[in-house]
PDB file of N, CA and C in Angstrom:
ATOM      1  N   MET A   1       4.019  51.366  52.936  1.00  0.00           N
ATOM      2  CA  MET A   1       4.370  50.500  51.844  1.00  0.00           C
ATOM      3  C   MET A   1       3.182  49.614  51.521  1.00  0.00           C
ATOM      4  N   THR A   2       2.988  49.381  50.250  1.00  0.00           N
ATOM      5  CA  THR A   2       1.954  48.457  49.794  1.00  0.00           C
ATOM      6  C   THR A   2       2.625  47.313  49.061  1.00  0.00           C
ATOM      7  N   LEU A   3       2.224  46.103  49.381  1.00  0.00           N
ATOM      8  CA  LEU A   3       2.774  44.915  48.737  1.00  0.00           C
ATOM      9  C   LEU A   3       1.605  44.064  48.272  1.00  0.00           C
ATOM     10  N   ARG A   4       1.549  43.792  46.996  1.00  0.00           N
ATOM     11  CA  ARG A   4       0.463  42.975  46.457  1.00  0.00           C
ATOM     12  C   ARG A   4       0.919  41.523  46.361  1.00  0.00           C
ATOM     13  N   LEU A   5       0.165  40.667  46.998  1.00  0.00           N
ATOM     14  CA  LEU A   5       0.469  39.235  46.998  1.00  0.00           C
ATOM     15  C   LEU A   5      -0.681  38.482  46.353  1.00  0.00           C
ATOM     16  N   ALA A   6      -0.367  37.351  45.754  1.00  0.00           N
ATOM     17  CA  ALA A   6      -1.417  36.483  45.227  1.00  0.00           C
ATOM     18  C   ALA A   6      -2.290  36.036  46.398  1.00  0.00           C
ATOM     19  N   PRO A   7      -3.597  35.975  46.191  1.00  0.00           N
ATOM     20  CA  PRO A   7      -4.497  35.591  47.280  1.00  0.00           C
ATOM     21  C   PRO A   7      -4.118  34.278  47.953  1.00  0.00           C
ATOM     22  N   GLU A   8      -3.662  33.305  47.164  1.00  0.00           N
ATOM     23  CA  GLU A   8      -3.320  32.011  47.758  1.00  0.00           C
ATOM     24  C   GLU A   8      -2.059  32.095  48.614  1.00  0.00           C
ATOM     25  N   VAL A   9      -1.141  32.978  48.259  1.00  0.00           N
ATOM     26  CA  VAL A   9       0.068  33.175  49.066  1.00  0.00           C
ATOM     27  C   VAL A   9      -0.315  33.802  50.402  1.00  0.00           C
ATOM     28  N   LEU A  10      -1.116  34.841  50.341  1.00  0.00           N
ATOM     29  CA  LEU A  10      -1.564  35.502  51.561  1.00  0.00           C
ATOM     30  C   LEU A  10      -2.361  34.537  52.439  1.00  0.00           C
ATOM     31  N   ALA A  11      -3.244  33.770  51.829  1.00  0.00           N
ATOM     32  CA  ALA A  11      -4.055  32.813  52.589  1.00  0.00           C
ATOM     33  C   ALA A  11      -3.176  31.790  53.296  1.00  0.00           C
ATOM     34  N   TYR A  12      -2.146  31.302  52.600  1.00  0.00           N
ATOM     35  CA  TYR A  12      -1.254  30.323  53.219  1.00  0.00           C
ATOM     36  C   TYR A  12      -0.595  30.903  54.463  1.00  0.00           C
ATOM     37  N   PHE A  13       0.024  32.064  54.325  1.00  0.00           N
ATOM     38  CA  PHE A  13       0.736  32.632  55.461  1.00  0.00           C
ATOM     39  C   PHE A  13      -0.220  33.004  56.588  1.00  0.00           C
ATOM     40  N   ARG A  14      -1.377  33.549  56.270  1.00  0.00           N
ATOM     41  CA  ARG A  14      -2.332  33.899  57.324  1.00  0.00           C
ATOM     42  C   ARG A  14      -2.848  32.652  58.036  1.00  0.00           C
ATOM     43  N   SER A  15      -2.925  31.539  57.315  1.00  0.00           N
ATOM     44  CA  SER A  15      -3.415  30.295  57.928  1.00  0.00           C
ATOM     45  C   SER A  15      -2.432  29.745  58.960  1.00  0.00           C
ATOM     46  N   GLN A  16      -1.206  30.250  58.961  1.00  0.00           N
ATOM     47  CA  GLN A  16      -0.201  29.799  59.925  1.00  0.00           C
ATOM     48  C   GLN A  16      -0.429  30.394  61.311  1.00  0.00           C
ATOM     49  N   GLY A  17      -1.351  31.339  61.398  1.00  0.00           N
ATOM     50  CA  GLY A  17      -1.707  31.915  62.696  1.00  0.00           C
ATOM     51  C   GLY A  17      -0.802  33.060  63.105  1.00  0.00           C
ATOM     52  N   ARG A  18      -0.799  33.276  64.401  1.00  0.00           N
ATOM     53  CA  ARG A  18      -0.027  34.381  64.969  1.00  0.00           C
ATOM     54  C   ARG A  18       1.432  34.316  64.500  1.00  0.00           C
ATOM     55  N   GLY A  19       1.944  35.449  64.084  1.00  0.00           N
ATOM     56  CA  GLY A  19       3.317  35.509  63.607  1.00  0.00           C
ATOM     57  C   GLY A  19       3.459  35.284  62.106  1.00  0.00           C
ATOM     58  N   TRP A  20       2.331  35.243  61.387  1.00  0.00           N
ATOM     59  CA  TRP A  20       2.394  34.966  59.952  1.00  0.00           C
ATOM     60  C   TRP A  20       3.206  36.012  59.203  1.00  0.00           C
ATOM     61  N   GLN A  21       3.169  37.256  59.654  1.00  0.00           N
ATOM     62  CA  GLN A  21       3.932  38.303  58.964  1.00  0.00           C
ATOM     63  C   GLN A  21       5.433  38.080  59.124  1.00  0.00           C
ATOM     64  N   THR A  22       5.834  37.610  60.289  1.00  0.00           N
ATOM     65  CA  THR A  22       7.245  37.288  60.516  1.00  0.00           C
ATOM     66  C   THR A  22       7.659  36.110  59.642  1.00  0.00           C
ATOM     67  N   LEU A  23       6.798  35.108  59.524  1.00  0.00           N
ATOM     68  CA  LEU A  23       7.094  33.964  58.654  1.00  0.00           C
ATOM     69  C   LEU A  23       7.260  34.409  57.203  1.00  0.00           C
ATOM     70  N   LEU A  24       6.393  35.303  56.756  1.00  0.00           N
ATOM     71  CA  LEU A  24       6.484  35.821  55.393  1.00  0.00           C
ATOM     72  C   LEU A  24       7.780  36.599  55.203  1.00  0.00           C
ATOM     73  N   ASN A  25       8.120  37.432  56.151  1.00  0.00           N
ATOM     74  CA  ASN A  25       9.363  38.196  56.077  1.00  0.00           C
ATOM     75  C   ASN A  25      10.570  37.260  56.026  1.00  0.00           C
ATOM     76  N   ASP A  26      10.568  36.237  56.865  1.00  0.00           N
ATOM     77  CA  ASP A  26      11.677  35.279  56.882  1.00  0.00           C
ATOM     78  C   ASP A  26      11.799  34.546  55.543  1.00  0.00           C
ATOM     79  N   ALA A  27      10.668  34.167  54.965  1.00  0.00           N
ATOM     80  CA  ALA A  27      10.687  33.479  53.668  1.00  0.00           C
ATOM     81  C   ALA A  27      11.251  34.396  52.584  1.00  0.00           C
ATOM     82  N   LEU A  28      10.878  35.652  52.609  1.00  0.00           N
ATOM     83  CA  LEU A  28      11.395  36.601  51.623  1.00  0.00           C
ATOM     84  C   LEU A  28      12.889  36.835  51.808  1.00  0.00           C
ATOM     85  N   LYS A  29      13.337  36.895  53.054  1.00  0.00           N
ATOM     86  CA  LYS A  29      14.769  37.077  53.307  1.00  0.00           C
ATOM     87  C   LYS A  29      15.572  35.883  52.801  1.00  0.00           C
ATOM     88  N   ARG A  30      15.047  34.662  52.986  1.00  0.00           N
ATOM     89  CA  ARG A  30      15.737  33.472  52.476  1.00  0.00           C
ATOM     90  C   ARG A  30      15.819  33.506  50.949  1.00  0.00           C
ATOM     91  N   LEU A  31      14.742  33.932  50.306  1.00  0.00           N
ATOM     92  CA  LEU A  31      14.728  34.034  48.853  1.00  0.00           C
ATOM     93  C   LEU A  31      15.778  35.029  48.366  1.00  0.00           C
ATOM     94  N   VAL A  32      15.847  36.180  48.997  1.00  0.00           N
ATOM     95  CA  VAL A  32      16.837  37.192  48.622  1.00  0.00           C
ATOM     96  C   VAL A  32      18.246  36.638  48.802  1.00  0.00           C
ATOM     97  N   SER A  33      18.489  35.967  49.902  1.00  0.00           N
ATOM     98  CA  SER A  33      19.809  35.406  50.172  1.00  0.00           C
ATOM     99  C   SER A  33      20.211  34.388  49.103  1.00  0.00           C
ATOM    100  N   ARG A  34      19.285  33.503  48.740  1.00  0.00           N
ATOM    101  CA  ARG A  34      19.578  32.494  47.711  1.00  0.00           C
ATOM    102  C   ARG A  34      19.838  33.138  46.358  1.00  0.00           C
ATOM    103  N   ARG A  35      19.049  34.136  46.024  1.00  0.00           N
ATOM    104  CA  ARG A  35      19.219  34.787  44.718  1.00  0.00           C
ATOM    105  C   ARG A  35      20.526  35.555  44.649  1.00  0.00           C
ATOM    106  N   ARG A  36      20.954  36.126  45.746  1.00  0.00           N
ATOM    107  CA  ARG A  36      22.227  36.853  45.753  1.00  0.00           C
ATOM    108  C   ARG A  36      23.391  35.900  45.533  1.00  0.00           C
ATOM    109  N   LYS A  37      23.290  34.688  46.069  1.00  0.00           N
ATOM    110  CA  LYS A  37      24.355  33.695  45.906  1.00  0.00           C
ATOM    111  C   LYS A  37      24.457  33.235  44.456  1.00  0.00           C
ATOM    112  N   VAL A  38      23.331  33.181  43.752  1.00  0.00           N
ATOM    113  CA  VAL A  38      23.293  32.735  42.363  1.00  0.00           C
ATOM    114  C   VAL A  38      23.829  33.819  41.438  1.00  0.00           C
ATOM    115  N   ALA A  39      23.531  35.062  41.740  1.00  0.00           N
ATOM    116  CA  ALA A  39      23.905  36.182  40.849  1.00  0.00           C
ATOM    117  C   ALA A  39      25.378  36.474  40.845  1.00  0.00           C
TER     118      ALA A  39
END
């Protein structure tokens, strides 16, 4: 899978150090959950 992110988004998550991919995944899951509640 390829996912294109804005450079500043990627930089932010990578700056969080080890586990940044998990943090990004968690943030995306929260976004999906919130959007499902609105729809």
